[in-house]
Amino acid sequence: MASLKSMQEQDRLQGYEQLKKKTDGYYQSSVGLGDYKPFAAARGSFAERNKRGNMVRLRNTAGRIDRKKLRFIVEEAEKHQVDMVHFATCQTVQFHHLQPDQVISLLEDIVDNGYETYGTGGDYPRNIMCSPLSGVDPDEVMNVLPYAEAAAQYLVETVDDPDMPRKLKTAFLGDRENMTHATYRDLGFAATDVGTFDIYAAGGLGPNPAFGVQVGQDVKPVECLYYVQAMMNTFRKYGNTGNKRRARTRYMVEDLGGDEAFRQAFLQELAAVRNALQLELGPEIVSPVTKEGDGTSPQTHWRIQPQKQQGLYSVLYHPVGGCPKLSVLRSLSTALDSMDGVELRTSPDQSVYIINLTGCEADLIARITEADTARSLFETSTACVGAGTCVVGVRDSQKLLKEMIRAVREAGISQDALPKLHISGCPSSCSAQQTAEIGLRGTVKVVAKGDIRPAYFLSLHGKNGRNDSRMGREAGVILEEDMIPFILSLGREVSDTGLAYHDWAENHPGRLDEIAAQYTK
């Protein structure tokens, strides 16, 4: 069985000849999107809307970007004149608007430098997700990073199989916030207070969303690979491989007759894996942070937080919509070159944390990123890349987010008066709007005969929690032209009370629904 890495290297040695031919054919209209998309996506490249260009997705296990990788990202973006770098919600890095010759050149550079794109799209297992501050968060339950990286390596080496589930999404959770949505992924590992994992399977957002079924309790972390293999085996045996729309793990629960039937089927496969394979990890996979503080303390700043390592700090950087300015990335890379042990961690909400900084280093990084970062919780709203770029997008979520932020700033609404929004341009739910306090999904609305307008499905009161997640309530459809009036109306009312949004919502139950009802159709 070939690994993804060996398959990518084979493509590289052949000069990406097949991909080049198919890419040229697609742009010359001799190859259709239906033929081009799966072939290119498997290699980490996607055609964009209206043949504007291609995107290349760089695998970024657990969201880790060390100084060398950041320098590579910046240099490649400059070399290929990339006008849009995107921190995706799967903790990967995407290069957008590439022309056909740039796609091949970038892929070759990626492989030559020891990085990977193969399997970041298509029907392969996706980027392994992990709590972004794993190993440095003073409030974390457990450092899950080593296990996330071990699972990623295992999948990369073993997944070249035609009967894999589509887009197998695996997440590790070491904090209490469920930022990686581990309880409703295809496979999720959630750390417990006693240093074990509770394990969930067959969850997922998008069409027919579902929370995961618990298939493991108080599992030793070193045994996590048994569950990875059992998930693959369960799908190969019970998954609907003949129907692409249902070739996702969450449909197995329904097909098998419910949670308990699925759980028993999974546990049978798990027992077989335990009997057949030795997959237990060793203690050597855990590598503690060795850098020490230098006695300096940073200035007080809401984006600077202390780590569990005394004298070290992290800095939060959230470019709006997950789209950083290349000039800021260049300045950041240059500064980090002289800082030992520092790395970036991308987050599922499109934030970036720069970690392992001394006090003086934290002050410098905060200054470098100040002009390109969100100023409030609302401005950290999550937005997929949107229909302006994505070939399957319905609405331009990036454009909407930027317009709303501009309007809120101009209106002088207090910074804590609005919650974080989650905006997805299509039913794929890349921004996890289904479990958001306020979620938006792109659509169209027929308001009169022949009058079809851009719109969003509005979802309210969803929640992403470790033990209390819930899907939001569909509150109707809101026209795109009414989105800014809705947000301004909500923001002004909350601002007038002097309360932060979540305090206001707790003190005024039902009021959000009343305001939304004024704008929904």
Protein backbone atom coordinates (compact mmCIF):
# COMPACT_ATOMS: atom_id res chain seq x y z
CA MET A 1 0.00 0.00 0.00
CA ALA A 2 1.45 3.35 -1.01
CA SER A 3 1.53 6.28 1.40
CA LEU A 4 0.34 9.74 0.47
CA LYS A 5 3.91 10.96 0.78
CA SER A 6 5.20 8.35 -1.68
CA MET A 7 2.35 9.11 -4.08
CA GLN A 8 3.19 12.81 -3.94
CA GLU A 9 6.86 12.08 -4.52
CA GLN A 10 5.96 9.94 -7.54
CA ASP A 11 3.99 12.84 -8.98
CA ARG A 12 6.95 15.11 -8.32
CA LEU A 13 9.42 12.83 -10.09
CA GLN A 14 7.10 12.76 -13.09
CA GLY A 15 7.05 16.55 -13.07
CA TYR A 16 3.36 16.58 -12.19
CA GLU A 17 2.86 15.70 -15.84
CA GLN A 18 -0.71 14.42 -15.45
CA LEU A 19 -1.79 17.34 -13.30
CA LYS A 20 -0.24 19.82 -15.71
CA LYS A 21 -2.09 18.25 -18.65
CA LYS A 22 -5.40 18.20 -16.81
CA THR A 23 -4.95 21.75 -15.51
CA ASP A 24 -4.14 23.08 -18.98
CA GLY A 25 -7.09 21.13 -20.37
CA TYR A 26 -9.42 22.56 -17.75
CA TYR A 27 -8.44 26.14 -18.48
CA GLN A 28 -8.69 25.45 -22.23
CA SER A 29 -12.15 23.90 -21.69
CA SER A 30 -11.17 20.46 -23.02
CA VAL A 31 -11.42 18.93 -19.52
CA GLY A 32 -14.61 19.43 -17.52
CA LEU A 33 -14.74 20.43 -13.87
CA GLY A 34 -16.22 17.05 -12.95
CA ASP A 35 -13.11 15.27 -14.27
CA TYR A 36 -10.62 17.87 -13.13
CA LYS A 37 -11.79 18.49 -9.57
CA PRO A 38 -11.21 15.05 -7.97
CA PHE A 39 -7.82 14.59 -9.64
CA ALA A 40 -6.52 18.02 -8.67
CA ALA A 41 -8.12 18.02 -5.22
CA ALA A 42 -6.35 14.80 -4.26
CA ARG A 43 -3.10 16.67 -4.90
CA GLY A 44 -4.18 19.62 -2.80
CA SER A 45 -5.28 21.99 -5.56
CA PHE A 46 -8.78 23.27 -6.30
CA ALA A 47 -10.16 25.24 -9.23
CA GLU A 48 -11.67 28.56 -8.22
CA ARG A 49 -14.84 30.26 -9.43
CA ASN A 50 -15.02 31.33 -13.07
CA LYS A 51 -11.53 29.92 -13.69
CA ARG A 52 -10.08 32.85 -11.80
CA GLY A 53 -7.25 30.61 -10.73
CA ASN A 54 -6.42 27.67 -8.51
CA MET A 55 -5.93 27.22 -4.80
CA VAL A 56 -3.19 25.06 -3.28
CA ARG A 57 -3.68 23.76 0.28
CA LEU A 58 -0.62 23.04 2.41
CA ARG A 59 -0.97 20.24 4.98
CA ASN A 60 -0.46 21.68 8.44
CA THR A 61 -0.83 18.95 11.05
CA ALA A 62 -2.32 20.24 14.31
CA GLY A 63 -1.96 23.80 13.04
CA ARG A 64 1.80 23.94 13.71
CA ILE A 65 3.97 26.32 11.71
CA ASP A 66 7.58 26.58 12.84
CA ARG A 67 9.87 29.42 11.82
CA LYS A 68 11.23 27.55 8.81
CA LYS A 69 7.76 26.74 7.50
CA LEU A 70 6.57 30.33 7.98
CA ARG A 71 9.58 31.59 6.05
CA PHE A 72 8.76 29.11 3.28
CA ILE A 73 5.12 30.23 3.13
CA VAL A 74 6.12 33.89 2.88
CA GLU A 75 8.83 33.30 0.28
CA GLU A 76 6.56 31.15 -1.89
CA ALA A 77 3.74 33.70 -1.68
CA GLU A 78 6.15 36.43 -2.75
CA LYS A 79 7.73 34.29 -5.48
CA HIS A 80 4.37 33.41 -7.03
CA GLN A 81 2.85 36.85 -6.37
CA VAL A 82 0.04 35.35 -4.32
CA ASP A 83 -2.51 38.03 -3.45
CA MET A 84 -4.45 35.91 -0.97
CA VAL A 85 -3.09 33.62 1.74
CA HIS A 86 -5.85 32.07 3.84
CA PHE A 87 -5.83 30.42 7.25
CA ALA A 88 -8.57 27.83 6.76
CA THR A 89 -10.91 26.48 9.42
CA CYS A 90 -9.23 23.06 9.15
CA GLN A 91 -5.98 24.67 10.43
CA THR A 92 -4.30 24.50 7.02
CA VAL A 93 -2.76 27.28 4.93
CA GLN A 94 -4.10 28.04 1.45
CA PHE A 95 -2.55 29.91 -1.48
CA HIS A 96 -5.23 31.42 -3.72
CA HIS A 97 -5.60 32.80 -7.26
CA LEU A 98 -2.70 30.83 -8.76
CA GLN A 99 -2.37 30.54 -12.52
CA PRO A 100 -1.81 27.05 -14.04
CA ASP A 101 1.98 27.30 -14.32
CA GLN A 102 2.19 28.66 -10.77
CA VAL A 103 0.29 25.64 -9.43
CA ILE A 104 2.88 23.18 -10.70
CA SER A 105 5.82 25.36 -9.65
CA LEU A 106 4.43 25.78 -6.12
CA LEU A 107 3.69 22.07 -5.71
CA GLU A 108 7.24 21.22 -6.77
CA ASP A 109 8.66 23.71 -4.27
CA ILE A 110 6.46 22.29 -1.51
CA VAL A 111 7.69 18.73 -2.06
CA ASP A 112 11.30 19.82 -2.50
CA ASN A 113 11.16 21.46 0.92
CA GLY A 114 9.70 18.42 2.66
CA TYR A 115 6.09 19.59 2.96
CA GLU A 116 2.87 17.99 1.70
CA THR A 117 -0.30 18.82 -0.17
CA TYR A 118 -1.33 15.33 -1.28
CA GLY A 119 -4.53 14.25 0.42
CA THR A 120 -5.48 17.71 1.71
CA GLY A 121 -8.49 17.61 -0.61
CA GLY A 122 -10.55 15.00 -2.38
CA ASP A 123 -11.70 11.90 -0.56
CA TYR A 124 -8.59 11.53 1.60
CA PRO A 125 -8.40 12.05 5.37
CA ARG A 126 -8.15 15.76 6.05
CA ASN A 127 -5.74 17.73 8.18
CA ILE A 128 -5.61 16.43 11.75
CA MET A 129 -6.95 19.16 14.03
CA CYS A 130 -5.76 19.97 17.52
CA SER A 131 -6.35 22.52 20.27
CA PRO A 132 -4.08 25.36 19.11
CA LEU A 133 -2.44 26.03 22.48
CA SER A 134 -1.73 22.38 23.26
CA GLY A 135 1.27 22.05 25.51
CA VAL A 136 1.36 25.71 26.55
CA ASP A 137 -2.17 26.50 27.76
CA PRO A 138 -2.12 26.88 31.56
CA ASP A 139 -5.77 25.77 31.74
CA GLU A 140 -5.56 22.76 29.42
CA VAL A 141 -6.68 19.36 30.61
CA MET A 142 -3.87 17.54 28.82
CA ASN A 143 -1.29 18.17 26.11
CA VAL A 144 -2.83 16.29 23.19
CA LEU A 145 -0.43 17.53 20.50
CA PRO A 146 1.85 14.44 20.46
CA TYR A 147 -1.13 12.15 19.88
CA ALA A 148 -2.55 14.35 17.13
CA GLU A 149 0.79 14.25 15.33
CA ALA A 150 1.06 10.48 15.75
CA ALA A 151 -2.44 10.00 14.32
CA ALA A 152 -1.60 12.26 11.38
CA GLN A 153 1.54 10.30 10.59
CA TYR A 154 -0.37 7.03 10.78
CA LEU A 155 -3.08 8.21 8.40
CA VAL A 156 -0.62 9.71 5.92
CA GLU A 157 1.22 6.42 5.71
CA THR A 158 -1.76 4.06 5.47
CA VAL A 159 -4.77 5.64 3.77
CA ASP A 160 -4.35 4.82 0.08
CA ASP A 161 -7.46 2.68 0.01
CA PRO A 162 -10.48 3.06 -2.32
CA ASP A 163 -12.97 2.37 0.46
CA MET A 164 -12.07 5.23 2.79
CA PRO A 165 -14.78 7.59 4.04
CA ARG A 166 -14.94 10.91 2.26
CA LYS A 167 -13.13 13.75 4.02
CA LEU A 168 -12.33 11.79 7.19
CA LYS A 169 -11.97 14.58 9.75
CA THR A 170 -10.17 13.81 13.00
CA ALA A 171 -9.76 16.20 15.92
CA PHE A 172 -7.97 16.23 19.27
CA LEU A 173 -9.21 18.34 22.16
CA GLY A 174 -7.08 19.23 25.17
CA ASP A 175 -8.99 22.25 26.49
CA ARG A 176 -12.51 22.78 27.79
CA GLU A 177 -13.79 24.92 24.91
CA ASN A 178 -14.18 22.25 22.21
CA MET A 179 -12.56 24.59 19.69
CA THR A 180 -11.78 21.67 17.37
CA HIS A 181 -15.37 20.33 17.57
CA ALA A 182 -13.98 16.97 18.69
CA THR A 183 -17.36 15.76 19.92
CA TYR A 184 -18.88 16.07 16.45
CA ARG A 185 -16.17 15.11 14.00
CA ASP A 186 -15.78 11.85 12.12
CA LEU A 187 -13.42 10.91 14.93
CA GLY A 188 -12.73 13.00 18.01
CA PHE A 189 -10.43 12.55 21.00
CA ALA A 190 -11.43 14.69 23.99
CA ALA A 191 -9.06 14.78 26.96
CA THR A 192 -10.47 14.13 30.43
CA ASP A 193 -9.44 15.48 33.83
CA VAL A 194 -7.63 12.23 34.61
CA GLY A 195 -5.37 12.26 31.55
CA THR A 196 -7.36 9.91 29.34
CA PHE A 197 -9.50 10.30 26.21
CA ASP A 198 -13.22 10.12 25.72
CA ILE A 199 -13.63 9.22 22.05
CA TYR A 200 -16.45 10.16 19.69
CA ALA A 201 -17.15 8.90 16.19
CA ALA A 202 -19.44 9.47 13.21
CA GLY A 203 -20.29 13.11 13.83
CA GLY A 204 -20.10 16.02 11.43
CA LEU A 205 -21.61 19.29 10.20
CA GLY A 206 -23.05 20.14 6.80
CA PRO A 207 -26.13 18.43 5.32
CA ASN A 208 -27.77 16.18 7.93
CA PRO A 209 -25.48 17.26 10.80
CA ALA A 210 -24.93 14.94 13.74
CA PHE A 211 -23.13 14.87 17.05
CA GLY A 212 -20.67 12.05 17.52
CA VAL A 213 -21.43 8.73 19.19
CA GLN A 214 -19.21 8.03 22.19
CA VAL A 215 -17.23 4.87 21.44
CA GLY A 216 -14.54 5.13 24.11
CA GLN A 217 -14.33 6.32 27.71
CA ASP A 218 -11.19 6.91 29.77
CA VAL A 219 -9.00 5.48 27.02
CA LYS A 220 -5.25 5.66 27.52
CA PRO A 221 -3.79 8.25 25.09
CA VAL A 222 -1.14 5.79 23.90
CA GLU A 223 -3.96 3.62 22.51
CA CYS A 224 -5.42 6.29 20.20
CA LEU A 225 -4.23 4.64 16.96
CA TYR A 226 -6.38 1.59 17.63
CA TYR A 227 -9.41 3.86 17.33
CA VAL A 228 -8.11 5.48 14.14
CA GLN A 229 -7.75 2.07 12.49
CA ALA A 230 -11.08 0.87 13.88
CA MET A 231 -12.82 3.90 12.37
CA MET A 232 -11.40 3.08 8.94
CA ASN A 233 -12.32 -0.60 9.25
CA THR A 234 -15.84 0.21 10.43
CA PHE A 235 -16.47 2.38 7.41
CA ARG A 236 -15.00 -0.16 5.01
CA LYS A 237 -17.44 -2.71 6.38
CA TYR A 238 -20.57 -0.62 6.89
CA GLY A 239 -20.09 2.65 5.01
CA ASN A 240 -22.03 3.54 1.88
CA THR A 241 -19.15 3.59 -0.60
CA GLY A 242 -21.51 3.41 -3.57
CA ASN A 243 -23.19 6.76 -2.91
CA LYS A 244 -20.82 9.73 -2.78
CA ARG A 245 -23.34 11.91 -0.96
CA ARG A 246 -23.63 9.35 1.84
CA ALA A 247 -20.00 8.24 1.92
CA ARG A 248 -19.48 10.08 5.20
CA THR A 249 -19.19 8.36 8.54
CA ARG A 250 -22.25 10.01 10.11
CA TYR A 251 -24.61 8.20 7.75
CA MET A 252 -23.50 4.85 9.17
CA VAL A 253 -25.35 5.57 12.41
CA GLU A 254 -28.68 5.84 10.60
CA ASP A 255 -27.93 2.93 8.28
CA LEU A 256 -27.05 0.64 11.18
CA GLY A 257 -30.13 1.56 13.19
CA GLY A 258 -29.00 4.18 15.69
CA ASP A 259 -26.29 5.12 18.17
CA GLU A 260 -26.11 1.85 20.07
CA ALA A 261 -26.01 -0.30 16.94
CA PHE A 262 -23.21 1.83 15.54
CA ARG A 263 -21.33 1.75 18.84
CA GLN A 264 -21.43 -2.04 18.95
CA ALA A 265 -20.30 -2.31 15.33
CA PHE A 266 -17.39 0.02 16.05
CA LEU A 267 -16.39 -1.84 19.21
CA GLN A 268 -16.34 -5.14 17.31
CA GLU A 269 -13.92 -3.66 14.79
CA LEU A 270 -11.88 -2.17 17.62
CA ALA A 271 -11.53 -5.57 19.27
CA ALA A 272 -10.39 -7.08 15.98
CA VAL A 273 -7.79 -4.35 15.51
CA ARG A 274 -6.46 -4.85 19.04
CA ASN A 275 -6.06 -8.57 18.37
CA ALA A 276 -4.37 -8.12 15.00
CA LEU A 277 -2.09 -5.10 15.40
CA GLN A 278 0.35 -3.54 17.84
CA LEU A 279 -0.34 0.19 17.65
CA GLU A 280 0.36 1.37 21.19
CA LEU A 281 2.51 4.49 21.27
CA GLY A 282 5.58 4.93 23.44
CA PRO A 283 6.20 7.67 26.02
CA GLU A 284 8.95 9.19 23.89
CA ILE A 285 6.43 10.99 21.67
CA VAL A 286 5.91 13.71 24.31
CA SER A 287 8.44 16.57 23.94
CA PRO A 288 8.14 19.38 26.51
CA VAL A 289 8.92 23.03 25.78
CA THR A 290 12.57 23.64 26.72
CA LYS A 291 12.76 27.40 26.22
CA GLU A 292 12.87 29.49 29.39
CA GLY A 293 11.79 33.04 30.07
CA ASP A 294 14.37 35.81 30.35
CA GLY A 295 12.75 37.67 33.23
CA THR A 296 10.98 40.25 31.06
CA SER A 297 7.24 40.87 31.30
CA PRO A 298 5.08 42.19 28.46
CA GLN A 299 2.87 45.22 28.63
CA THR A 300 -0.74 44.49 29.54
CA HIS A 301 -2.58 43.61 26.34
CA TRP A 302 -5.68 41.50 25.76
CA ARG A 303 -3.92 39.59 22.96
CA ILE A 304 -0.97 38.59 25.17
CA GLN A 305 -1.50 35.70 27.57
CA PRO A 306 0.89 33.81 29.87
CA GLN A 307 1.72 30.19 29.08
CA LYS A 308 2.03 27.35 31.56
CA GLN A 309 5.81 27.74 31.16
CA GLN A 310 6.81 30.50 33.57
CA GLY A 311 8.09 33.60 31.80
CA LEU A 312 6.75 32.62 28.36
CA TYR A 313 3.76 34.12 26.56
CA SER A 314 1.51 33.69 23.53
CA VAL A 315 0.17 36.44 21.26
CA LEU A 316 -3.18 36.16 19.51
CA TYR A 317 -3.29 37.35 15.89
CA HIS A 318 -6.61 37.20 14.05
CA PRO A 319 -6.55 38.63 10.53
CA VAL A 320 -10.11 39.37 9.49
CA GLY A 321 -11.62 36.37 7.71
CA GLY A 322 -8.38 34.45 8.17
CA CYS A 323 -6.70 36.43 5.36
CA PRO A 324 -3.44 37.98 6.60
CA LYS A 325 -1.60 40.73 4.80
CA LEU A 326 1.52 39.29 3.20
CA SER A 327 3.53 42.28 4.40
CA VAL A 328 2.62 41.42 8.00
CA LEU A 329 3.57 37.77 7.50
CA ARG A 330 6.91 38.93 6.09
CA SER A 331 7.54 41.20 9.10
CA LEU A 332 6.46 38.41 11.43
CA SER A 333 8.77 35.90 9.78
CA THR A 334 11.72 38.28 9.88
CA ALA A 335 11.18 38.97 13.58
CA LEU A 336 10.79 35.29 14.49
CA ASP A 337 14.05 34.34 12.76
CA SER A 338 15.94 35.68 15.78
CA MET A 339 13.63 34.14 18.41
CA ASP A 340 14.46 30.63 19.60
CA GLY A 341 11.74 28.02 20.00
CA VAL A 342 8.93 30.21 18.69
CA GLU A 343 6.21 28.83 16.42
CA LEU A 344 2.74 29.64 15.10
CA ARG A 345 -0.39 27.65 15.83
CA THR A 346 -3.34 28.16 13.53
CA SER A 347 -6.79 27.74 15.03
CA PRO A 348 -10.13 26.39 13.71
CA ASP A 349 -11.59 29.89 14.12
CA GLN A 350 -8.90 31.33 11.78
CA SER A 351 -6.90 32.86 14.61
CA VAL A 352 -3.16 32.38 14.88
CA TYR A 353 -1.25 32.09 18.14
CA ILE A 354 2.45 32.93 18.23
CA ILE A 355 3.81 30.95 21.19
CA ASN A 356 6.92 30.53 23.35
CA LEU A 357 7.70 34.25 23.51
CA THR A 358 9.55 36.10 26.24
CA GLY A 359 7.96 39.28 27.55
CA CYS A 360 9.95 41.55 25.24
CA GLU A 361 9.34 39.25 22.27
CA ALA A 362 5.60 39.24 22.98
CA ASP A 363 5.50 43.04 22.96
CA LEU A 364 7.28 43.13 19.58
CA ILE A 365 4.97 40.53 18.00
CA ALA A 366 1.89 42.35 19.31
CA ARG A 367 3.12 45.56 17.67
CA ILE A 368 3.87 43.84 14.34
CA THR A 369 0.39 42.31 14.13
CA GLU A 370 -1.58 45.23 15.62
CA ALA A 371 -2.68 46.83 12.35
CA ASP A 372 -3.86 43.54 10.81
CA THR A 373 -5.79 41.93 13.64
CA ALA A 374 -9.36 41.88 14.88
CA ARG A 375 -10.21 44.47 17.53
CA SER A 376 -13.13 42.68 19.18
CA LEU A 377 -14.85 39.33 19.57
CA PHE A 378 -17.22 40.23 16.73
CA GLU A 379 -14.30 40.96 14.41
CA THR A 380 -12.96 37.45 15.05
CA SER A 381 -16.05 36.09 13.30
CA THR A 382 -15.30 33.07 11.16
CA ALA A 383 -15.92 33.19 7.41
CA CYS A 384 -15.15 30.59 4.77
CA VAL A 385 -13.31 31.72 1.65
CA GLY A 386 -16.66 32.53 0.02
CA ALA A 387 -18.27 32.50 -3.40
CA GLY A 388 -15.95 35.16 -4.72
CA THR A 389 -13.32 32.41 -4.80
CA CYS A 390 -14.91 29.01 -4.06
CA VAL A 391 -16.39 27.20 -7.05
CA VAL A 392 -19.23 25.72 -4.99
CA GLY A 393 -19.93 28.81 -2.91
CA VAL A 394 -23.35 30.46 -3.03
CA ARG A 395 -22.60 33.71 -1.16
CA ASP A 396 -19.41 35.73 -0.65
CA SER A 397 -18.94 35.33 3.10
CA GLN A 398 -15.61 37.17 3.10
CA LYS A 399 -17.15 40.25 1.49
CA LEU A 400 -20.10 40.23 3.89
CA LEU A 401 -17.87 39.98 6.96
CA LYS A 402 -15.67 42.87 5.90
CA GLU A 403 -18.70 45.04 5.11
CA MET A 404 -20.28 44.29 8.49
CA ILE A 405 -17.08 45.09 10.37
CA ARG A 406 -16.75 48.38 8.52
CA ALA A 407 -20.36 49.30 9.30
CA VAL A 408 -20.04 48.41 12.99
CA ARG A 409 -16.87 50.46 13.33
CA GLU A 410 -18.42 53.46 11.60
CA ALA A 411 -21.49 53.22 13.84
CA GLY A 412 -19.33 53.39 16.96
CA ILE A 413 -20.89 50.30 18.49
CA SER A 414 -19.06 49.16 21.62
CA GLN A 415 -16.54 46.40 21.02
CA ASP A 416 -18.20 43.84 23.28
CA ALA A 417 -21.77 44.38 22.07
CA LEU A 418 -21.78 41.69 19.38
CA PRO A 419 -20.90 37.98 19.44
CA LYS A 420 -18.68 36.06 17.09
CA LEU A 421 -20.56 35.12 13.91
CA HIS A 422 -19.95 32.01 11.81
CA ILE A 423 -20.56 32.56 8.10
CA SER A 424 -20.58 29.77 5.52
CA GLY A 425 -21.15 30.48 1.85
CA CYS A 426 -22.81 27.13 1.13
CA PRO A 427 -24.26 24.01 2.83
CA SER A 428 -20.79 22.52 3.39
CA SER A 429 -20.69 24.41 6.69
CA CYS A 430 -16.95 25.13 6.58
CA SER A 431 -17.40 27.85 9.21
CA ALA A 432 -19.46 25.67 11.57
CA GLN A 433 -22.45 28.01 11.54
CA GLN A 434 -24.75 25.23 12.74
CA THR A 435 -23.37 25.35 16.30
CA ALA A 436 -22.91 29.13 16.51
CA GLU A 437 -24.80 31.68 18.59
CA ILE A 438 -25.48 33.44 15.28
CA GLY A 439 -24.81 31.39 12.16
CA LEU A 440 -25.27 32.27 8.51
CA ARG A 441 -25.40 30.01 5.44
CA GLY A 442 -25.53 31.38 1.92
CA THR A 443 -28.62 30.91 -0.23
CA VAL A 444 -30.99 32.84 -2.50
CA LYS A 445 -34.51 34.06 -1.78
CA VAL A 446 -37.39 34.47 -4.22
CA VAL A 447 -39.18 37.59 -2.98
CA ALA A 448 -41.48 37.96 -5.99
CA LYS A 449 -41.90 36.44 -9.42
CA GLY A 450 -38.64 37.00 -11.26
CA ASP A 451 -37.07 38.71 -8.22
CA ILE A 452 -34.37 36.42 -6.79
CA ARG A 453 -32.04 38.00 -4.26
CA PRO A 454 -28.86 37.01 -2.39
CA ALA A 455 -29.69 35.83 1.11
CA TYR A 456 -28.58 33.80 4.12
CA PHE A 457 -30.25 31.17 6.25
CA LEU A 458 -30.10 32.50 9.80
CA SER A 459 -29.41 30.09 12.65
CA LEU A 460 -29.67 31.18 16.29
CA HIS A 461 -28.65 29.84 19.71
CA GLY A 462 -26.32 27.08 18.61
CA LYS A 463 -23.57 26.16 21.03
CA ASN A 464 -20.16 24.55 20.78
CA GLY A 465 -19.36 23.04 24.16
CA ARG A 466 -17.52 20.04 25.48
CA ASN A 467 -20.61 18.50 27.06
CA ASP A 468 -23.45 20.77 25.98
CA SER A 469 -23.15 21.42 22.25
CA ARG A 470 -26.38 22.03 20.38
CA MET A 471 -27.46 22.80 16.84
CA GLY A 472 -28.88 26.26 16.31
CA ARG A 473 -32.52 26.94 15.51
CA GLU A 474 -33.29 27.87 11.92
CA ALA A 475 -34.79 31.34 12.29
CA GLY A 476 -35.60 32.02 8.66
CA VAL A 477 -33.93 33.65 5.68
CA ILE A 478 -32.46 37.13 5.79
CA LEU A 479 -31.68 39.04 2.61
CA GLU A 480 -28.05 39.98 2.16
CA GLU A 481 -29.12 43.63 1.89
CA ASP A 482 -30.67 43.37 5.37
CA MET A 483 -27.67 41.80 7.08
CA ILE A 484 -25.97 45.05 8.04
CA PRO A 485 -29.21 46.67 9.31
CA PHE A 486 -29.82 43.54 11.42
CA ILE A 487 -26.34 43.55 12.94
CA LEU A 488 -26.43 47.30 13.59
CA SER A 489 -29.85 47.04 15.22
CA LEU A 490 -28.65 44.26 17.51
CA GLY A 491 -25.37 46.01 18.29
CA ARG A 492 -27.00 49.35 19.11
CA GLU A 493 -29.54 47.78 21.44
CA VAL A 494 -26.86 45.87 23.33
CA SER A 495 -24.56 48.92 23.43
CA ASP A 496 -27.30 51.05 24.95
CA THR A 497 -27.52 48.70 27.94
CA GLY A 498 -23.80 48.94 28.65
CA LEU A 499 -23.60 45.15 28.85
CA ALA A 500 -21.40 42.74 26.96
CA TYR A 501 -23.37 40.66 24.46
CA HIS A 502 -23.46 37.39 26.41
CA ASP A 503 -24.55 39.17 29.61
CA TRP A 504 -27.24 40.97 27.62
CA ALA A 505 -28.46 37.73 26.04
CA GLU A 506 -28.68 36.07 29.45
CA ASN A 507 -30.62 38.99 30.90
CA HIS A 508 -32.91 39.36 27.88
CA PRO A 509 -33.93 35.85 26.78
CA GLY A 510 -35.85 35.85 23.54
CA ARG A 511 -34.87 39.38 22.55
CA LEU A 512 -32.38 38.22 19.90
CA ASP A 513 -35.18 36.24 18.27
CA GLU A 514 -37.45 39.29 18.31
CA ILE A 515 -34.84 41.48 16.63
CA ALA A 516 -34.07 38.79 14.05
CA ALA A 517 -37.78 38.38 13.26
CA GLN A 518 -37.87 41.98 12.05
CA TYR A 519 -35.46 41.10 9.24
CA THR A 520 -36.18 37.48 8.31
CA LYS A 521 -38.48 36.40 5.52
